[in-house]
Amino acid sequence: VILADSIIVFAITHRFDLTLGVLIISNISSTILYFLH
């Protein structure tokens, strides 16, 4: 998911810093939720 999300977010924003921020927040929370699920 990180790989797919990074491609999509970077394609939209063209910014590495914004892409990294979105990926960190989104994927940490999603990993925890998936594990609990």
Full PDB file with SEQRES, HELIX, SHEET, SSBOND, CRYST1, ORIGX, SCALE, CONECT and MASTER records, all heavy atoms in Angstrom:
SEQRES   1 A   37  VAL ILE LEU ALA ASP SER ILE ILE VAL PHE ALA ILE THR          
SEQRES   2 A   37  HIS ARG PHE ASP LEU THR LEU GLY VAL LEU ILE ILE SER          
SEQRES   3 A   37  ASN ILE SER SER THR ILE LEU TYR PHE LEU HIS                  
HELIX    1 AA1 ILE A    2  THR A   13  1                                  12    
HELIX    2 AA2 PHE A   16  LEU A   36  1                                  21    
CRYST1    1.000    1.000    1.000  90.00  90.00  90.00 P 1           1          
ORIGX1      1.000000  0.000000  0.000000        0.00000                         
ORIGX2      0.000000  1.000000  0.000000        0.00000                         
ORIGX3      0.000000  0.000000  1.000000        0.00000                         
SCALE1      1.000000  0.000000  0.000000        0.00000                         
SCALE2      0.000000  1.000000  0.000000        0.00000                         
SCALE3      0.000000  0.000000  1.000000        0.00000                         
ATOM      1  N   VAL A   1       0.832  -1.199   0.000  1.00  0.00           N  
ATOM      2  CA  VAL A   1       0.000   0.000   0.000  1.00  0.00           C  
ATOM      3  C   VAL A   1       0.873   1.257   0.000  1.00  0.00           C  
ATOM      4  O   VAL A   1       0.568   2.228  -0.691  1.00  0.00           O  
ATOM      5  CB  VAL A   1      -0.974  -0.007   1.201  1.00  0.00           C  
ATOM      6  CG1 VAL A   1      -1.694   1.306   1.345  1.00  0.00           C  
ATOM      7  CG2 VAL A   1      -1.970  -1.151   1.050  1.00  0.00           C  
ATOM      8  N   ILE A   2       1.954   1.249   0.766  1.00  0.00           N  
ATOM      9  CA  ILE A   2       2.867   2.394   0.800  1.00  0.00           C  
ATOM     10  C   ILE A   2       3.421   2.678  -0.596  1.00  0.00           C  
ATOM     11  O   ILE A   2       3.476   3.837  -1.031  1.00  0.00           O  
ATOM     12  CB  ILE A   2       4.019   2.155   1.801  1.00  0.00           C  
ATOM     13  CG1 ILE A   2       3.506   2.245   3.226  1.00  0.00           C  
ATOM     14  CG2 ILE A   2       5.160   3.140   1.585  1.00  0.00           C  
ATOM     15  CD1 ILE A   2       4.489   1.758   4.274  1.00  0.00           C  
ATOM     16  N   LEU A   3       3.811   1.636  -1.289  1.00  0.00           N  
ATOM     17  CA  LEU A   3       4.338   1.804  -2.639  1.00  0.00           C  
ATOM     18  C   LEU A   3       3.281   2.425  -3.564  1.00  0.00           C  
ATOM     19  O   LEU A   3       3.551   3.409  -4.261  1.00  0.00           O  
ATOM     20  CB  LEU A   3       4.821   0.461  -3.189  1.00  0.00           C  
ATOM     21  CG  LEU A   3       5.459   0.491  -4.568  1.00  0.00           C  
ATOM     22  CD1 LEU A   3       6.701   1.379  -4.556  1.00  0.00           C  
ATOM     23  CD2 LEU A   3       5.815  -0.923  -4.981  1.00  0.00           C  
ATOM     24  N   ALA A   4       2.086   1.875  -3.548  1.00  0.00           N  
ATOM     25  CA  ALA A   4       1.006   2.399  -4.407  1.00  0.00           C  
ATOM     26  C   ALA A   4       0.635   3.831  -4.011  1.00  0.00           C  
ATOM     27  O   ALA A   4       0.507   4.708  -4.870  1.00  0.00           O  
ATOM     28  CB  ALA A   4      -0.213   1.497  -4.325  1.00  0.00           C  
ATOM     29  N   ASP A   5       0.491   4.074  -2.696  1.00  0.00           N  
ATOM     30  CA  ASP A   5       0.122   5.412  -2.230  1.00  0.00           C  
ATOM     31  C   ASP A   5       1.174   6.449  -2.585  1.00  0.00           C  
ATOM     32  O   ASP A   5       0.856   7.575  -2.956  1.00  0.00           O  
ATOM     33  CB  ASP A   5      -0.094   5.422  -0.715  1.00  0.00           C  
ATOM     34  CG  ASP A   5      -1.405   4.781  -0.297  1.00  0.00           C  
ATOM     35  OD1 ASP A   5      -2.229   4.459  -1.176  1.00  0.00           O  
ATOM     36  OD2 ASP A   5      -1.596   4.595   0.922  1.00  0.00           O  
ATOM     37  N   SER A   6       2.446   6.075  -2.442  1.00  0.00           N  
ATOM     38  CA  SER A   6       3.508   7.043  -2.730  1.00  0.00           C  
ATOM     39  C   SER A   6       3.494   7.449  -4.204  1.00  0.00           C  
ATOM     40  O   SER A   6       3.679   8.624  -4.525  1.00  0.00           O  
ATOM     41  CB  SER A   6       4.877   6.494  -2.334  1.00  0.00           C  
ATOM     42  OG  SER A   6       5.193   5.350  -3.088  1.00  0.00           O  
ATOM     43  N   ILE A   7       3.243   6.518  -5.070  1.00  0.00           N  
ATOM     44  CA  ILE A   7       3.161   6.838  -6.501  1.00  0.00           C  
ATOM     45  C   ILE A   7       1.984   7.769  -6.770  1.00  0.00           C  
ATOM     46  O   ILE A   7       2.128   8.784  -7.471  1.00  0.00           O  
ATOM     47  CB  ILE A   7       3.058   5.546  -7.336  1.00  0.00           C  
ATOM     48  CG1 ILE A   7       4.375   4.764  -7.241  1.00  0.00           C  
ATOM     49  CG2 ILE A   7       2.691   5.858  -8.789  1.00  0.00           C  
ATOM     50  CD1 ILE A   7       4.284   3.342  -7.776  1.00  0.00           C  
ATOM     51  N   ILE A   8       0.848   7.464  -6.194  1.00  0.00           N  
ATOM     52  CA  ILE A   8      -0.354   8.278  -6.419  1.00  0.00           C  
ATOM     53  C   ILE A   8      -0.203   9.679  -5.835  1.00  0.00           C  
ATOM     54  O   ILE A   8      -0.467  10.679  -6.510  1.00  0.00           O  
ATOM     55  CB  ILE A   8      -1.598   7.580  -5.840  1.00  0.00           C  
ATOM     56  CG1 ILE A   8      -1.885   6.296  -6.625  1.00  0.00           C  
ATOM     57  CG2 ILE A   8      -2.810   8.509  -5.849  1.00  0.00           C  
ATOM     58  CD1 ILE A   8      -2.871   5.355  -5.961  1.00  0.00           C  
ATOM     59  N   VAL A   9       0.230   9.766  -4.558  1.00  0.00           N  
ATOM     60  CA  VAL A   9       0.346  11.074  -3.898  1.00  0.00           C  
ATOM     61  C   VAL A   9       1.390  11.939  -4.598  1.00  0.00           C  
ATOM     62  O   VAL A   9       1.164  13.130  -4.840  1.00  0.00           O  
ATOM     63  CB  VAL A   9       0.666  10.930  -2.392  1.00  0.00           C  
ATOM     64  CG1 VAL A   9       0.939  12.281  -1.756  1.00  0.00           C  
ATOM     65  CG2 VAL A   9      -0.484  10.232  -1.672  1.00  0.00           C  
ATOM     66  N   PHE A  10       2.526  11.346  -4.950  1.00  0.00           N  
ATOM     67  CA  PHE A  10       3.555  12.139  -5.630  1.00  0.00           C  
ATOM     68  C   PHE A  10       3.092  12.584  -7.016  1.00  0.00           C  
ATOM     69  O   PHE A  10       3.378  13.705  -7.442  1.00  0.00           O  
ATOM     70  CB  PHE A  10       4.875  11.378  -5.737  1.00  0.00           C  
ATOM     71  CG  PHE A  10       5.965  12.228  -6.318  1.00  0.00           C  
ATOM     72  CD1 PHE A  10       6.571  13.209  -5.552  1.00  0.00           C  
ATOM     73  CD2 PHE A  10       6.365  12.069  -7.632  1.00  0.00           C  
ATOM     74  CE1 PHE A  10       7.565  14.018  -6.082  1.00  0.00           C  
ATOM     75  CE2 PHE A  10       7.357  12.868  -8.184  1.00  0.00           C  
ATOM     76  CZ  PHE A  10       7.955  13.845  -7.404  1.00  0.00           C  
ATOM     77  N   ALA A  11       2.360  11.730  -7.720  1.00  0.00           N  
ATOM     78  CA  ALA A  11       1.848  12.097  -9.049  1.00  0.00           C  
ATOM     79  C   ALA A  11       0.900  13.294  -8.958  1.00  0.00           C  
ATOM     80  O   ALA A  11       0.850  14.125  -9.861  1.00  0.00           O  
ATOM     81  CB  ALA A  11       1.144  10.907  -9.690  1.00  0.00           C  
ATOM     82  N   ILE A  12       0.167  13.386  -7.862  1.00  0.00           N  
ATOM     83  CA  ILE A  12      -0.773  14.499  -7.685  1.00  0.00           C  
ATOM     84  C   ILE A  12      -0.072  15.762  -7.182  1.00  0.00           C  
ATOM     85  O   ILE A  12      -0.323  16.859  -7.676  1.00  0.00           O  
ATOM     86  CB  ILE A  12      -1.910  14.097  -6.713  1.00  0.00           C  
ATOM     87  CG1 ILE A  12      -2.772  13.000  -7.359  1.00  0.00           C  
ATOM     88  CG2 ILE A  12      -2.766  15.297  -6.320  1.00  0.00           C  
ATOM     89  CD1 ILE A  12      -3.754  12.337  -6.411  1.00  0.00           C  
ATOM     90  N   THR A  13       0.831  15.606  -6.194  1.00  0.00           N  
ATOM     91  CA  THR A  13       1.418  16.782  -5.543  1.00  0.00           C  
ATOM     92  C   THR A  13       2.761  17.222  -6.140  1.00  0.00           C  
ATOM     93  O   THR A  13       3.125  18.394  -6.034  1.00  0.00           O  
ATOM     94  CB  THR A  13       1.648  16.511  -4.048  1.00  0.00           C  
ATOM     95  OG1 THR A  13       2.626  15.471  -3.906  1.00  0.00           O  
ATOM     96  CG2 THR A  13       0.356  16.128  -3.352  1.00  0.00           C  
ATOM     97  N   HIS A  14       3.523  16.291  -6.664  1.00  0.00           N  
ATOM     98  CA  HIS A  14       4.891  16.550  -7.147  1.00  0.00           C  
ATOM     99  C   HIS A  14       5.775  17.120  -6.042  1.00  0.00           C  
ATOM    100  O   HIS A  14       6.701  17.877  -6.307  1.00  0.00           O  
ATOM    101  CB  HIS A  14       4.899  17.486  -8.361  1.00  0.00           C  
ATOM    102  CG  HIS A  14       4.150  16.929  -9.523  1.00  0.00           C  
ATOM    103  ND1 HIS A  14       4.643  15.914 -10.307  1.00  0.00           N  
ATOM    104  CD2 HIS A  14       2.931  17.230 -10.018  1.00  0.00           C  
ATOM    105  CE1 HIS A  14       3.764  15.623 -11.244  1.00  0.00           C  
ATOM    106  NE2 HIS A  14       2.711  16.397 -11.095  1.00  0.00           N  
ATOM    107  N   ARG A  15       5.469  16.734  -4.789  1.00  0.00           N  
ATOM    108  CA  ARG A  15       6.258  17.184  -3.637  1.00  0.00           C  
ATOM    109  C   ARG A  15       6.638  15.991  -2.776  1.00  0.00           C  
ATOM    110  O   ARG A  15       5.766  15.264  -2.294  1.00  0.00           O  
ATOM    111  CB  ARG A  15       5.452  18.175  -2.795  1.00  0.00           C  
ATOM    112  CG  ARG A  15       5.262  19.520  -3.472  1.00  0.00           C  
ATOM    113  CD  ARG A  15       4.509  20.487  -2.603  1.00  0.00           C  
ATOM    114  NE  ARG A  15       5.111  20.609  -1.272  1.00  0.00           N  
ATOM    115  CZ  ARG A  15       4.493  21.237  -0.269  1.00  0.00           C  
ATOM    116  NH1 ARG A  15       3.317  21.793  -0.448  1.00  0.00           N  
ATOM    117  NH2 ARG A  15       5.082  21.312   0.906  1.00  0.00           N  
ATOM    118  N   PHE A  16       7.956  15.811  -2.569  1.00  0.00           N  
ATOM    119  CA  PHE A  16       8.423  14.703  -1.750  1.00  0.00           C  
ATOM    120  C   PHE A  16       8.034  14.881  -0.284  1.00  0.00           C  
ATOM    121  O   PHE A  16       7.661  13.912   0.373  1.00  0.00           O  
ATOM    122  CB  PHE A  16       9.948  14.551  -1.857  1.00  0.00           C  
ATOM    123  CG  PHE A  16      10.397  14.000  -3.176  1.00  0.00           C  
ATOM    124  CD1 PHE A  16      11.082  14.807  -4.067  1.00  0.00           C  
ATOM    125  CD2 PHE A  16      10.140  12.682  -3.522  1.00  0.00           C  
ATOM    126  CE1 PHE A  16      11.508  14.302  -5.288  1.00  0.00           C  
ATOM    127  CE2 PHE A  16      10.559  12.174  -4.740  1.00  0.00           C  
ATOM    128  CZ  PHE A  16      11.242  12.978  -5.627  1.00  0.00           C  
ATOM    129  N   ASP A  17       8.123  16.108   0.237  1.00  0.00           N  
ATOM    130  CA  ASP A  17       7.830  16.342   1.647  1.00  0.00           C  
ATOM    131  C   ASP A  17       6.362  16.054   1.967  1.00  0.00           C  
ATOM    132  O   ASP A  17       6.049  15.401   2.969  1.00  0.00           O  
ATOM    133  CB  ASP A  17       8.212  17.746   2.076  1.00  0.00           C  
ATOM    134  CG  ASP A  17       7.483  18.841   1.299  1.00  0.00           C  
ATOM    135  OD1 ASP A  17       7.069  18.595   0.145  1.00  0.00           O  
ATOM    136  OD2 ASP A  17       7.334  19.954   1.841  1.00  0.00           O  
ATOM    137  N   LEU A  18       5.463  16.507   1.135  1.00  0.00           N  
ATOM    138  CA  LEU A  18       4.041  16.263   1.352  1.00  0.00           C  
ATOM    139  C   LEU A  18       3.714  14.778   1.182  1.00  0.00           C  
ATOM    140  O   LEU A  18       2.952  14.206   1.969  1.00  0.00           O  
ATOM    141  CB  LEU A  18       3.199  17.107   0.388  1.00  0.00           C  
ATOM    142  CG  LEU A  18       1.701  17.126   0.618  1.00  0.00           C  
ATOM    143  CD1 LEU A  18       1.361  17.557   2.040  1.00  0.00           C  
ATOM    144  CD2 LEU A  18       1.038  18.047  -0.392  1.00  0.00           C  
ATOM    145  N   THR A  19       4.317  14.159   0.197  1.00  0.00           N  
ATOM    146  CA  THR A  19       4.116  12.723  -0.025  1.00  0.00           C  
ATOM    147  C   THR A  19       4.555  11.933   1.205  1.00  0.00           C  
ATOM    148  O   THR A  19       3.833  11.060   1.683  1.00  0.00           O  
ATOM    149  CB  THR A  19       4.893  12.246  -1.268  1.00  0.00           C  
ATOM    150  OG1 THR A  19       4.413  12.958  -2.417  1.00  0.00           O  
ATOM    151  CG2 THR A  19       4.736  10.755  -1.492  1.00  0.00           C  
ATOM    152  N   LEU A  20       5.719  12.249   1.732  1.00  0.00           N  
ATOM    153  CA  LEU A  20       6.234  11.549   2.905  1.00  0.00           C  
ATOM    154  C   LEU A  20       5.334  11.748   4.124  1.00  0.00           C  
ATOM    155  O   LEU A  20       5.036  10.797   4.845  1.00  0.00           O  
ATOM    156  CB  LEU A  20       7.657  12.017   3.220  1.00  0.00           C  
ATOM    157  CG  LEU A  20       8.378  11.288   4.343  1.00  0.00           C  
ATOM    158  CD1 LEU A  20       8.504   9.806   4.038  1.00  0.00           C  
ATOM    159  CD2 LEU A  20       9.748  11.904   4.552  1.00  0.00           C  
ATOM    160  N   GLY A  21       4.879  12.971   4.349  1.00  0.00           N  
ATOM    161  CA  GLY A  21       3.994  13.242   5.481  1.00  0.00           C  
ATOM    162  C   GLY A  21       2.689  12.474   5.402  1.00  0.00           C  
ATOM    163  O   GLY A  21       2.239  11.873   6.384  1.00  0.00           O  
ATOM    164  N   VAL A  22       2.084  12.475   4.234  1.00  0.00           N  
ATOM    165  CA  VAL A  22       0.825  11.740   4.039  1.00  0.00           C  
ATOM    166  C   VAL A  22       1.052  10.249   4.259  1.00  0.00           C  
ATOM    167  O   VAL A  22       0.262   9.581   4.938  1.00  0.00           O  
ATOM    168  CB  VAL A  22       0.242  11.996   2.627  1.00  0.00           C  
ATOM    169  CG1 VAL A  22      -0.883  11.031   2.307  1.00  0.00           C  
ATOM    170  CG2 VAL A  22      -0.234  13.433   2.500  1.00  0.00           C  
ATOM    171  N   LEU A  23       2.122   9.722   3.716  1.00  0.00           N  
ATOM    172  CA  LEU A  23       2.407   8.292   3.849  1.00  0.00           C  
ATOM    173  C   LEU A  23       2.648   7.878   5.295  1.00  0.00           C  
ATOM    174  O   LEU A  23       2.156   6.841   5.736  1.00  0.00           O  
ATOM    175  CB  LEU A  23       3.610   7.901   2.994  1.00  0.00           C  
ATOM    176  CG  LEU A  23       3.383   7.962   1.492  1.00  0.00           C  
ATOM    177  CD1 LEU A  23       4.672   7.636   0.757  1.00  0.00           C  
ATOM    178  CD2 LEU A  23       2.277   7.031   1.060  1.00  0.00           C  
ATOM    179  N   ILE A  24       3.394   8.664   6.021  1.00  0.00           N  
ATOM    180  CA  ILE A  24       3.699   8.313   7.414  1.00  0.00           C  
ATOM    181  C   ILE A  24       2.433   8.261   8.247  1.00  0.00           C  
ATOM    182  O   ILE A  24       2.149   7.262   8.922  1.00  0.00           O  
ATOM    183  CB  ILE A  24       4.723   9.296   8.018  1.00  0.00           C  
ATOM    184  CG1 ILE A  24       6.089   9.068   7.384  1.00  0.00           C  
ATOM    185  CG2 ILE A  24       4.802   9.136   9.538  1.00  0.00           C  
ATOM    186  CD1 ILE A  24       7.125  10.119   7.728  1.00  0.00           C  
ATOM    187  N   ILE A  25       1.648   9.313   8.218  1.00  0.00           N  
ATOM    188  CA  ILE A  25       0.433   9.375   9.028  1.00  0.00           C  
ATOM    189  C   ILE A  25      -0.570   8.302   8.604  1.00  0.00           C  
ATOM    190  O   ILE A  25      -1.111   7.562   9.432  1.00  0.00           O  
ATOM    191  CB  ILE A  25      -0.200  10.775   8.957  1.00  0.00           C  
ATOM    192  CG1 ILE A  25       0.717  11.778   9.644  1.00  0.00           C  
ATOM    193  CG2 ILE A  25      -1.591  10.784   9.578  1.00  0.00           C  
ATOM    194  CD1 ILE A  25       0.370  13.220   9.390  1.00  0.00           C  
ATOM    195  N   SER A  26      -0.813   8.212   7.318  1.00  0.00           N  
ATOM    196  CA  SER A  26      -1.803   7.271   6.802  1.00  0.00           C  
ATOM    197  C   SER A  26      -1.433   5.818   7.079  1.00  0.00           C  
ATOM    198  O   SER A  26      -2.274   5.027   7.502  1.00  0.00           O  
ATOM    199  CB  SER A  26      -1.960   7.492   5.297  1.00  0.00           C  
ATOM    200  OG  SER A  26      -2.781   6.505   4.735  1.00  0.00           O  
ATOM    201  N   ASN A  27      -0.193   5.466   6.867  1.00  0.00           N  
ATOM    202  CA  ASN A  27       0.190   4.063   6.962  1.00  0.00           C  
ATOM    203  C   ASN A  27       0.422   3.576   8.384  1.00  0.00           C  
ATOM    204  O   ASN A  27       0.166   2.404   8.666  1.00  0.00           O  
ATOM    205  CB  ASN A  27       1.382   3.789   6.055  1.00  0.00           C  
ATOM    206  CG  ASN A  27       0.930   3.809   4.615  1.00  0.00           C  
ATOM    207  OD1 ASN A  27       0.223   2.917   4.182  1.00  0.00           O  
ATOM    208  ND2 ASN A  27       1.281   4.856   3.888  1.00  0.00           N  
ATOM    209  N   ILE A  28       0.847   4.418   9.267  1.00  0.00           N  
ATOM    210  CA  ILE A  28       0.959   3.987  10.665  1.00  0.00           C  
ATOM    211  C   ILE A  28      -0.431   3.703  11.225  1.00  0.00           C  
ATOM    212  O   ILE A  28      -0.665   2.654  11.834  1.00  0.00           O  
ATOM    213  CB  ILE A  28       1.718   5.023  11.512  1.00  0.00           C  
ATOM    214  CG1 ILE A  28       3.201   5.007  11.149  1.00  0.00           C  
ATOM    215  CG2 ILE A  28       1.539   4.737  13.011  1.00  0.00           C  
ATOM    216  CD1 ILE A  28       4.020   6.102  11.805  1.00  0.00           C  
ATOM    217  N   SER A  29      -1.353   4.618  11.003  1.00  0.00           N  
ATOM    218  CA  SER A  29      -2.707   4.405  11.526  1.00  0.00           C  
ATOM    219  C   SER A  29      -3.383   3.218  10.842  1.00  0.00           C  
ATOM    220  O   SER A  29      -4.052   2.413  11.502  1.00  0.00           O  
ATOM    221  CB  SER A  29      -3.549   5.671  11.373  1.00  0.00           C  
ATOM    222  OG  SER A  29      -3.691   6.020  10.014  1.00  0.00           O  
ATOM    223  N   SER A  30      -3.195   3.062   9.552  1.00  0.00           N  
ATOM    224  CA  SER A  30      -3.806   1.938   8.837  1.00  0.00           C  
ATOM    225  C   SER A  30      -3.229   0.594   9.272  1.00  0.00           C  
ATOM    226  O   SER A  30      -3.959  -0.393   9.359  1.00  0.00           O  
ATOM    227  CB  SER A  30      -3.606   2.100   7.332  1.00  0.00           C  
ATOM    228  OG  SER A  30      -4.311   3.219   6.868  1.00  0.00           O  
ATOM    229  N   THR A  31      -1.944   0.539   9.553  1.00  0.00           N  
ATOM    230  CA  THR A  31      -1.323  -0.706  10.007  1.00  0.00           C  
ATOM    231  C   THR A  31      -1.895  -1.135  11.347  1.00  0.00           C  
ATOM    232  O   THR A  31      -2.232  -2.307  11.557  1.00  0.00           O  
ATOM    233  CB  THR A  31       0.206  -0.548  10.109  1.00  0.00           C  
ATOM    234  OG1 THR A  31       0.712  -0.201   8.819  1.00  0.00           O  
ATOM    235  CG2 THR A  31       0.865  -1.826  10.594  1.00  0.00           C  
ATOM    236  N   ILE A  32      -2.041  -0.195  12.247  1.00  0.00           N  
ATOM    237  CA  ILE A  32      -2.607  -0.503  13.565  1.00  0.00           C  
ATOM    238  C   ILE A  32      -4.049  -0.983  13.424  1.00  0.00           C  
ATOM    239  O   ILE A  32      -4.436  -1.999  14.018  1.00  0.00           O  
ATOM    240  CB  ILE A  32      -2.505   0.727  14.495  1.00  0.00           C  
ATOM    241  CG1 ILE A  32      -1.035   1.011  14.819  1.00  0.00           C  
ATOM    242  CG2 ILE A  32      -3.316   0.510  15.771  1.00  0.00           C  
ATOM    243  CD1 ILE A  32      -0.783   2.362  15.457  1.00  0.00           C  
ATOM    244  N   LEU A  33      -4.839  -0.284  12.630  1.00  0.00           N  
ATOM    245  CA  LEU A  33      -6.234  -0.682  12.433  1.00  0.00           C  
ATOM    246  C   LEU A  33      -6.353  -2.049  11.773  1.00  0.00           C  
ATOM    247  O   LEU A  33      -7.196  -2.863  12.155  1.00  0.00           O  
ATOM    248  CB  LEU A  33      -6.978   0.371  11.617  1.00  0.00           C  
ATOM    249  CG  LEU A  33      -7.232   1.690  12.335  1.00  0.00           C  
ATOM    250  CD1 LEU A  33      -7.798   2.718  11.358  1.00  0.00           C  
ATOM    251  CD2 LEU A  33      -8.174   1.486  13.504  1.00  0.00           C  
ATOM    252  N   TYR A  34      -5.514  -2.327  10.794  1.00  0.00           N  
ATOM    253  CA  TYR A  34      -5.550  -3.628  10.127  1.00  0.00           C  
ATOM    254  C   TYR A  34      -5.205  -4.756  11.104  1.00  0.00           C  
ATOM    255  O   TYR A  34      -5.870  -5.792  11.140  1.00  0.00           O  
ATOM    256  CB  TYR A  34      -4.592  -3.654   8.936  1.00  0.00           C  
ATOM    257  CG  TYR A  34      -4.578  -4.983   8.228  1.00  0.00           C  
ATOM    258  CD1 TYR A  34      -5.550  -5.307   7.299  1.00  0.00           C  
ATOM    259  CD2 TYR A  34      -3.593  -5.930   8.501  1.00  0.00           C  
ATOM    260  CE1 TYR A  34      -5.549  -6.535   6.652  1.00  0.00           C  
ATOM    261  CE2 TYR A  34      -3.589  -7.153   7.867  1.00  0.00           C  
ATOM    262  CZ  TYR A  34      -4.564  -7.455   6.943  1.00  0.00           C  
ATOM    263  OH  TYR A  34      -4.559  -8.668   6.322  1.00  0.00           O  
ATOM    264  N   PHE A  35      -4.182  -4.564  11.903  1.00  0.00           N  
ATOM    265  CA  PHE A  35      -3.785  -5.575  12.880  1.00  0.00           C  
ATOM    266  C   PHE A  35      -4.913  -5.849  13.864  1.00  0.00           C  
ATOM    267  O   PHE A  35      -5.251  -7.007  14.140  1.00  0.00           O  
ATOM    268  CB  PHE A  35      -2.521  -5.129  13.623  1.00  0.00           C  
ATOM    269  CG  PHE A  35      -2.092  -6.100  14.686  1.00  0.00           C  
ATOM    270  CD1 PHE A  35      -1.458  -7.273  14.343  1.00  0.00           C  
ATOM    271  CD2 PHE A  35      -2.326  -5.828  16.026  1.00  0.00           C  
ATOM    272  CE1 PHE A  35      -1.063  -8.178  15.319  1.00  0.00           C  
ATOM    273  CE2 PHE A  35      -1.935  -6.715  17.004  1.00  0.00           C  
ATOM    274  CZ  PHE A  35      -1.301  -7.899  16.658  1.00  0.00           C  
ATOM    275  N   LEU A  36      -5.528  -4.789  14.383  1.00  0.00           N  
ATOM    276  CA  LEU A  36      -6.644  -4.962  15.311  1.00  0.00           C  
ATOM    277  C   LEU A  36      -7.812  -5.674  14.635  1.00  0.00           C  
ATOM    278  O   LEU A  36      -8.449  -6.557  15.233  1.00  0.00           O  
ATOM    279  CB  LEU A  36      -7.088  -3.608  15.865  1.00  0.00           C  
ATOM    280  CG  LEU A  36      -6.070  -2.904  16.758  1.00  0.00           C  
ATOM    281  CD1 LEU A  36      -6.552  -1.499  17.106  1.00  0.00           C  
ATOM    282  CD2 LEU A  36      -5.786  -3.723  18.007  1.00  0.00           C  
ATOM    283  N   HIS A  37      -8.092  -5.327  13.405  1.00  0.00           N  
ATOM    284  CA  HIS A  37      -9.152  -5.966  12.637  1.00  0.00           C  
ATOM    285  C   HIS A  37      -8.885  -7.467  12.494  1.00  0.00           C  
ATOM    286  O   HIS A  37      -9.779  -8.296  12.698  1.00  0.00           O  
ATOM    287  CB  HIS A  37      -9.245  -5.303  11.257  1.00  0.00           C  
ATOM    288  CG  HIS A  37     -10.240  -5.907  10.349  1.00  0.00           C  
ATOM    289  ND1 HIS A  37      -9.893  -6.843   9.399  1.00  0.00           N  
ATOM    290  CD2 HIS A  37     -11.576  -5.720  10.237  1.00  0.00           C  
ATOM    291  CE1 HIS A  37     -10.980  -7.199   8.741  1.00  0.00           C  
ATOM    292  NE2 HIS A  37     -12.019  -6.541   9.217  1.00  0.00           N  
TER     293      HIS A  37                                                      
MASTER        0    0    0    2    0    0    0    6  292    1    0    3          
END                                                                             
